[in-house]
Amino acid sequence: MSTADRPVFATRPSVVGHRGLGSGTVDGHLENSLPSLLAAAAAGVDCIELDVTRAADDVLVVHHNPATAAAGFLVERTAEELASHGVATLREVLDALPVEVAVDVDVKTVLEDASGGWGSGTVALLVPVLTTEVRRRQVLTTSFDVAALLWLRDQVPGLALGLISWVDFPLRMAVTAAAHLDLDVVCLHHGSFGPNRIETGPVHRSPARAVEVAHAAGLEVLAWCPGPDVVGPLVAAGLDAVCVNDVPRMLPLVRAAART
């Protein structure tokens, strides 16, 4: 069953900085870099989403993709080697971020984790970090990997957990899965709330109805990466959180939409 003992998102809707200030490079700051994450905190987001994977020496590092053009696969390089390419460790990032800012740790398991068995690799390395971190700040752990979430639930009391669904993935399936898994949050791509390239319709409930059903099932709802053209209606539907790219541009739009 769910382990979170309080609402994940205290501010409704909470604004979550995607990979810091946003994916790619925003205001000169590269995604998931310490400067980007600190800049997002300084901008006033409620929560910062960051991606976590592991290096060859079993040090957790903050990076989205499993490889870089310069360094190759991260799991084949030590944390010290990756530092020379601007990849920060999870520990240094968490120690640098203000504890008043919540953190969404997005678990990026690697191919090599498949051979280690249940609860090994990246996920196992996270347990002591998350156990410490939930005592000093609000932490949400999210993943596409359902097994990782369920294993972490048994290992880290009080840890809030969220299932992420893929781009344009059917909302009805993601919400139902997250509810039946008794998770805390369902993280839906903004395109899942209406007609999209996968499902043009007519199979979609209104965003407000989808959020209502999710809430009735005990879930908080996060929409990830909506643009300025769609964020207003999604906020109006009663979302608990919005994970945004380009924090300097999107933060005021979400705040304004919440006031209307």
Protein backbone atom coordinates (compact mmCIF):
# COMPACT_ATOMS: atom_id res chain seq x y z
CA MET A 1 0.00 0.00 0.00
CA SER A 2 0.98 3.64 -0.33
CA THR A 3 3.58 4.87 2.16
CA ALA A 4 3.30 8.65 1.86
CA ASP A 5 1.90 10.11 5.07
CA ARG A 6 0.92 13.54 3.72
CA PRO A 7 -0.05 15.13 0.41
CA VAL A 8 2.82 15.08 -2.05
CA PHE A 9 2.03 18.52 -3.48
CA ALA A 10 1.18 21.07 -0.80
CA THR A 11 0.63 23.88 -3.32
CA ARG A 12 -2.07 23.26 -5.91
CA PRO A 13 -0.95 23.26 -8.57
CA SER A 14 2.68 22.84 -7.68
CA VAL A 15 5.18 23.86 -10.36
CA VAL A 16 7.89 21.27 -10.96
CA GLY A 17 11.02 22.30 -12.83
CA HIS A 18 11.73 19.61 -15.43
CA ARG A 19 15.41 18.66 -15.18
CA GLY A 20 15.93 21.97 -13.39
CA LEU A 21 15.09 24.97 -15.56
CA GLY A 22 13.94 22.68 -18.37
CA SER A 23 15.13 20.08 -20.85
CA GLY A 24 17.96 21.00 -23.17
CA THR A 25 19.54 24.36 -22.37
CA VAL A 26 17.53 27.14 -20.71
CA ASP A 27 19.06 30.54 -20.00
CA GLY A 28 22.48 29.05 -20.67
CA HIS A 29 22.05 26.21 -18.16
CA LEU A 30 22.20 22.60 -19.35
CA GLU A 31 19.47 20.27 -18.10
CA ASN A 32 20.17 18.30 -14.91
CA SER A 33 23.32 20.34 -14.23
CA LEU A 34 23.79 21.78 -10.77
CA PRO A 35 23.53 25.39 -12.10
CA SER A 36 20.21 24.54 -13.80
CA LEU A 37 18.80 22.87 -10.69
CA LEU A 38 19.86 25.75 -8.43
CA ALA A 39 18.48 28.31 -10.87
CA ALA A 40 15.11 26.54 -10.83
CA ALA A 41 15.06 26.67 -7.04
CA ALA A 42 15.95 30.37 -7.12
CA ALA A 43 13.16 31.00 -9.65
CA GLY A 44 10.59 29.82 -7.12
CA VAL A 45 9.46 26.39 -8.29
CA ASP A 46 7.79 24.20 -5.68
CA CYS A 47 9.64 21.06 -6.72
CA ILE A 48 12.59 20.09 -8.89
CA GLU A 49 12.57 16.99 -11.08
CA LEU A 50 15.94 15.40 -11.71
CA ASP A 51 16.99 12.18 -13.41
CA VAL A 52 19.15 9.64 -11.63
CA THR A 53 21.21 6.78 -13.02
CA ARG A 54 24.46 5.07 -12.01
CA ALA A 55 28.08 5.25 -13.02
CA ALA A 56 30.53 2.35 -13.37
CA ASP A 57 31.71 2.73 -9.76
CA ASP A 58 28.12 2.54 -8.45
CA VAL A 59 27.92 6.25 -7.71
CA LEU A 60 24.53 7.77 -8.52
CA VAL A 61 24.71 10.61 -11.02
CA VAL A 62 22.18 13.09 -12.34
CA HIS A 63 21.57 12.65 -16.05
CA HIS A 64 18.64 11.83 -18.31
CA ASN A 65 20.03 9.77 -21.17
CA PRO A 66 22.13 6.62 -20.60
CA ALA A 67 24.96 8.02 -22.73
CA THR A 68 26.52 11.23 -23.94
CA ALA A 69 28.27 11.90 -27.24
CA ALA A 70 31.50 12.75 -25.43
CA ALA A 71 31.55 10.21 -22.60
CA GLY A 72 29.67 7.28 -24.08
CA PHE A 73 27.54 5.13 -21.78
CA LEU A 74 27.54 6.50 -18.25
CA VAL A 75 27.44 3.04 -16.69
CA GLU A 76 30.85 2.41 -18.29
CA ARG A 77 32.47 5.55 -16.81
CA THR A 78 33.30 6.43 -13.22
CA ALA A 79 31.67 9.38 -11.50
CA GLU A 80 35.02 11.17 -11.55
CA GLU A 81 35.28 10.70 -15.31
CA LEU A 82 31.72 11.92 -15.79
CA ALA A 83 32.39 14.98 -13.63
CA SER A 84 34.84 16.16 -16.27
CA HIS A 85 31.88 16.16 -18.68
CA GLY A 86 29.70 18.21 -16.32
CA VAL A 87 27.71 15.32 -14.84
CA ALA A 88 27.02 15.89 -11.14
CA THR A 89 26.53 13.23 -8.50
CA LEU A 90 23.16 12.90 -6.82
CA ARG A 91 24.71 13.48 -3.42
CA GLU A 92 26.29 16.81 -4.34
CA VAL A 93 23.04 17.97 -5.93
CA LEU A 94 20.89 17.08 -2.93
CA ASP A 95 23.35 18.71 -0.55
CA ALA A 96 23.31 21.91 -2.63
CA LEU A 97 19.55 22.27 -3.07
CA PRO A 98 17.58 24.14 -0.38
CA VAL A 99 15.65 21.68 1.78
CA GLU A 100 12.57 23.87 1.42
CA VAL A 101 12.31 22.78 -2.21
CA ALA A 102 10.78 19.36 -2.84
CA VAL A 103 12.60 16.95 -5.13
CA ASP A 104 11.20 14.50 -7.68
CA VAL A 105 13.82 11.78 -8.18
CA ASP A 106 13.11 10.19 -11.56
CA VAL A 107 14.75 6.75 -11.60
CA LYS A 108 16.44 5.94 -14.91
CA THR A 109 17.39 2.29 -14.73
CA VAL A 110 19.97 1.11 -17.27
CA LEU A 111 20.04 -1.99 -19.45
CA GLU A 112 22.65 -3.59 -17.20
CA ASP A 113 20.24 -3.45 -14.24
CA ALA A 114 18.23 -6.25 -15.87
CA SER A 115 20.84 -8.90 -15.04
CA GLY A 116 21.16 -8.11 -11.35
CA GLY A 117 17.83 -9.40 -10.11
CA TRP A 118 15.09 -7.79 -8.06
CA GLY A 119 16.07 -4.61 -6.28
CA SER A 120 19.62 -4.39 -7.56
CA GLY A 121 21.66 -1.87 -9.52
CA THR A 122 20.42 1.70 -9.69
CA VAL A 123 17.38 1.06 -7.51
CA ALA A 124 19.32 -0.59 -4.69
CA LEU A 125 21.84 2.26 -4.65
CA LEU A 126 19.01 4.72 -4.14
CA VAL A 127 17.71 3.18 -0.92
CA PRO A 128 20.17 4.75 1.57
CA VAL A 129 20.01 8.11 -0.22
CA LEU A 130 16.22 8.24 -0.19
CA THR A 131 16.02 6.96 3.38
CA THR A 132 18.10 9.92 4.48
CA GLU A 133 16.45 12.45 2.21
CA VAL A 134 12.82 11.78 3.24
CA ARG A 135 13.76 12.89 6.75
CA ARG A 136 14.73 16.39 5.66
CA ARG A 137 12.58 17.32 2.65
CA GLN A 138 9.53 16.29 0.63
CA VAL A 139 10.64 13.62 -1.83
CA LEU A 140 8.72 12.06 -4.68
CA THR A 141 10.26 9.15 -6.56
CA THR A 142 8.94 8.50 -10.04
CA SER A 143 9.71 6.01 -12.77
CA PHE A 144 8.43 4.21 -15.84
CA ASP A 145 9.73 1.08 -14.08
CA VAL A 146 6.87 -0.25 -11.96
CA ALA A 147 9.03 -2.93 -10.34
CA ALA A 148 11.46 -0.27 -9.14
CA LEU A 149 8.65 1.67 -7.49
CA LEU A 150 7.20 -1.35 -5.73
CA TRP A 151 10.59 -2.44 -4.42
CA LEU A 152 11.40 1.05 -3.14
CA ARG A 153 8.05 1.19 -1.37
CA ASP A 154 9.08 -1.78 0.77
CA GLN A 155 12.54 -0.36 1.46
CA VAL A 156 11.92 3.32 2.23
CA PRO A 157 9.03 4.07 4.64
CA GLY A 158 7.28 7.35 3.97
CA LEU A 159 8.50 7.65 0.38
CA ALA A 160 5.94 9.04 -2.06
CA LEU A 161 5.83 7.19 -5.39
CA GLY A 162 4.60 8.12 -8.83
CA LEU A 163 4.07 6.17 -12.03
CA ILE A 164 5.10 7.95 -15.23
CA SER A 165 3.32 7.11 -18.47
CA TRP A 166 4.83 7.67 -21.90
CA VAL A 167 4.08 10.36 -24.50
CA ASP A 168 0.37 10.31 -25.45
CA PHE A 169 -0.14 7.06 -23.50
CA PRO A 170 -3.85 6.36 -22.85
CA LEU A 171 -4.76 8.21 -19.68
CA ARG A 172 -7.43 5.69 -18.71
CA MET A 173 -4.81 2.93 -18.55
CA ALA A 174 -2.21 4.92 -16.63
CA VAL A 175 -4.64 6.20 -14.00
CA THR A 176 -6.12 2.74 -13.47
CA ALA A 177 -2.69 1.13 -13.20
CA ALA A 178 -1.41 3.70 -10.70
CA ALA A 179 -4.57 3.37 -8.61
CA HIS A 180 -4.47 -0.44 -8.56
CA LEU A 181 -0.79 -0.32 -7.60
CA ASP A 182 -1.80 1.97 -4.73
CA LEU A 183 0.74 4.62 -5.68
CA ASP A 184 0.57 8.27 -4.68
CA VAL A 185 0.88 10.13 -7.99
CA VAL A 186 0.18 9.45 -11.64
CA CYS A 187 2.41 11.46 -13.98
CA LEU A 188 0.73 11.93 -17.34
CA HIS A 189 2.08 13.43 -20.53
CA HIS A 190 0.01 16.50 -21.39
CA GLY A 191 -1.02 14.88 -24.68
CA SER A 192 -2.78 12.07 -22.82
CA PHE A 193 -5.54 14.44 -21.71
CA GLY A 194 -7.12 14.72 -25.16
CA PRO A 195 -6.96 13.65 -28.80
CA ASN A 196 -3.41 12.99 -29.92
CA ARG A 197 -1.44 11.26 -32.65
CA ILE A 198 -1.98 7.85 -31.05
CA GLU A 199 -5.67 8.23 -30.27
CA THR A 200 -7.45 10.88 -32.27
CA GLY A 201 -10.75 10.15 -30.55
CA PRO A 202 -13.48 9.86 -29.50
CA VAL A 203 -12.14 8.00 -26.46
CA HIS A 204 -11.14 10.82 -24.12
CA ARG A 205 -12.98 12.06 -21.06
CA SER A 206 -12.62 15.73 -20.27
CA PRO A 207 -9.45 16.64 -18.34
CA ALA A 208 -11.60 17.67 -15.37
CA ARG A 209 -13.35 14.28 -15.34
CA ALA A 210 -10.04 12.43 -15.58
CA VAL A 211 -8.62 14.37 -12.64
CA GLU A 212 -11.81 13.85 -10.66
CA VAL A 213 -11.63 10.08 -11.12
CA ALA A 214 -7.93 9.99 -10.25
CA HIS A 215 -8.56 11.98 -7.08
CA ALA A 216 -11.42 9.67 -6.10
CA ALA A 217 -9.00 6.77 -6.48
CA GLY A 218 -6.58 8.42 -4.06
CA LEU A 219 -4.11 9.70 -6.64
CA GLU A 220 -2.54 13.09 -7.13
CA VAL A 221 -2.17 14.08 -10.77
CA LEU A 222 0.87 15.62 -12.44
CA ALA A 223 0.94 16.65 -16.10
CA TRP A 224 4.36 16.80 -17.70
CA CYS A 225 5.67 19.23 -20.27
CA PRO A 226 2.56 21.14 -21.41
CA GLY A 227 3.25 24.19 -23.55
CA PRO A 228 1.81 27.66 -22.99
CA ASP A 229 -1.08 26.91 -25.34
CA VAL A 230 -2.48 24.04 -23.23
CA VAL A 231 -1.33 24.66 -19.67
CA GLY A 232 -4.26 26.94 -18.78
CA PRO A 233 -7.02 24.39 -19.44
CA LEU A 234 -5.05 21.67 -17.66
CA VAL A 235 -4.61 23.83 -14.56
CA ALA A 236 -8.33 24.61 -14.69
CA ALA A 237 -9.04 20.88 -14.66
CA GLY A 238 -7.67 20.69 -11.12
CA LEU A 239 -4.20 19.26 -11.55
CA ASP A 240 -2.07 18.85 -8.45
CA ALA A 241 1.19 19.60 -10.25
CA VAL A 242 2.61 20.69 -13.59
CA CYS A 243 6.14 19.70 -14.62
CA VAL A 244 7.36 22.40 -16.99
CA ASN A 245 10.13 23.08 -19.42
CA ASP A 246 11.46 26.64 -19.64
CA VAL A 247 10.74 27.58 -16.04
CA PRO A 248 11.28 31.34 -16.53
CA ARG A 249 8.53 31.40 -19.16
CA MET A 250 6.12 28.79 -17.82
CA LEU A 251 6.17 29.52 -14.09
CA PRO A 252 4.28 32.82 -14.35
CA LEU A 253 1.79 31.25 -16.80
CA VAL A 254 0.93 28.47 -14.38
CA ARG A 255 0.66 30.89 -11.47
CA ALA A 256 -1.62 33.16 -13.50
CA ALA A 257 -3.80 30.25 -14.62
CA ALA A 258 -4.18 29.11 -11.01
CA ARG A 259 -5.54 32.53 -10.05
CA THR A 260 -8.30 32.53 -12.69
